[in-house]
Amino acid sequence: MSAYTVEIRVMPRASLLDPQGQAVQHALQALGFGDVASVRAGKHLVLQVQAATREEAAAKARTMCDRLLANPVTEDYECNVSQ
């Protein structure tokens, strides 16, 4: 088994409102950053995963996202695996 670094980016679906992103946008505008047109706020997770292959590490990460790390109704995710 090898150790793989898995970076996971979880973002709200583009078709849905992002209240957290809107709050950040309004706060930035209140601070004088009026040129900020929109903000999408998400999560960035970095995991160390033990797996026999890169493909197995990616499959484990997708399962983790599907079961816990991302809400399949409101969020999309991307996984990047490196050794």
Protein backbone atom coordinates (compact mmCIF):
# COMPACT_ATOMS: atom_id res chain seq x y z
CA MET A 1 0.00 0.00 0.00
CA SER A 2 1.08 3.53 -0.74
CA ALA A 3 0.04 6.86 0.69
CA TYR A 4 -1.82 9.16 -1.68
CA THR A 5 -2.78 12.77 -1.18
CA VAL A 6 -6.36 13.40 -2.18
CA GLU A 7 -7.53 16.98 -2.64
CA ILE A 8 -11.29 17.38 -2.70
CA ARG A 9 -13.10 20.54 -3.77
CA VAL A 10 -16.78 20.71 -2.80
CA MET A 11 -18.87 23.54 -4.26
CA PRO A 12 -22.55 24.44 -4.25
CA ARG A 13 -24.25 23.55 -7.52
CA ALA A 14 -24.17 26.44 -9.98
CA SER A 15 -27.95 26.26 -10.41
CA LEU A 16 -28.56 26.88 -6.68
CA LEU A 17 -28.26 30.01 -4.58
CA ASP A 18 -25.16 30.22 -2.41
CA PRO A 19 -26.11 32.16 0.76
CA GLN A 20 -22.59 31.93 2.20
CA GLY A 21 -21.08 33.24 -1.03
CA GLN A 22 -23.63 36.06 -1.14
CA ALA A 23 -22.79 37.04 2.44
CA VAL A 24 -19.08 37.20 1.57
CA GLN A 25 -19.83 39.22 -1.55
CA HIS A 26 -21.90 41.75 0.41
CA ALA A 27 -19.21 42.03 3.09
CA LEU A 28 -16.51 42.62 0.47
CA GLN A 29 -18.64 45.29 -1.18
CA ALA A 30 -19.19 46.95 2.20
CA LEU A 31 -15.41 47.07 2.62
CA GLY A 32 -15.05 48.93 -0.64
CA PHE A 33 -14.51 46.02 -3.02
CA GLY A 34 -17.45 46.94 -5.23
CA ASP A 35 -15.91 45.29 -8.27
CA VAL A 36 -16.59 41.79 -6.88
CA ALA A 37 -19.44 40.56 -9.08
CA SER A 38 -20.09 37.21 -7.38
CA VAL A 39 -18.69 34.77 -4.83
CA ARG A 40 -19.19 31.00 -4.57
CA ALA A 41 -18.08 29.52 -1.23
CA GLY A 42 -17.18 25.87 -0.83
CA LYS A 43 -14.86 23.47 0.98
CA HIS A 44 -11.31 22.35 0.23
CA LEU A 45 -10.27 19.11 1.95
CA VAL A 46 -6.87 17.39 1.85
CA LEU A 47 -6.75 13.72 2.87
CA GLN A 48 -3.95 11.18 3.15
CA VAL A 49 -5.33 7.86 1.90
CA GLN A 50 -3.67 4.44 1.97
CA ALA A 51 -4.38 2.46 -1.20
CA ALA A 52 -2.77 -0.08 -3.51
CA THR A 53 -3.16 2.13 -6.60
CA ARG A 54 -3.99 5.68 -7.56
CA GLU A 55 -7.30 4.45 -9.00
CA GLU A 56 -8.21 2.78 -5.70
CA ALA A 57 -7.42 5.99 -3.81
CA ALA A 58 -9.65 7.95 -6.21
CA ALA A 59 -12.46 5.40 -5.81
CA LYS A 60 -12.20 5.62 -2.01
CA ALA A 61 -12.33 9.42 -2.20
CA ARG A 62 -15.43 9.35 -4.43
CA THR A 63 -17.14 6.99 -1.98
CA MET A 64 -16.26 9.30 0.93
CA CYS A 65 -17.71 12.25 -0.97
CA ASP A 66 -20.86 10.37 -1.93
CA ARG A 67 -21.45 9.14 1.61
CA LEU A 68 -20.31 12.06 3.78
CA LEU A 69 -18.23 14.92 2.42
CA ALA A 70 -20.62 16.31 -0.20
CA ASN A 71 -24.38 16.66 -0.27
CA PRO A 72 -25.41 14.99 -3.55
CA VAL A 73 -28.53 17.16 -3.81
CA THR A 74 -26.90 20.59 -3.43
CA GLU A 75 -23.15 20.17 -4.05
CA ASP A 76 -20.72 18.97 -6.70
CA TYR A 77 -17.19 17.78 -6.00
CA GLU A 78 -13.86 17.19 -7.72
CA CYS A 79 -11.12 14.85 -6.52
CA ASN A 80 -7.44 15.09 -7.45
CA VAL A 81 -5.08 12.32 -6.40
CA SER A 82 -1.30 12.57 -6.18
CA GLN A 83 1.36 10.42 -4.58
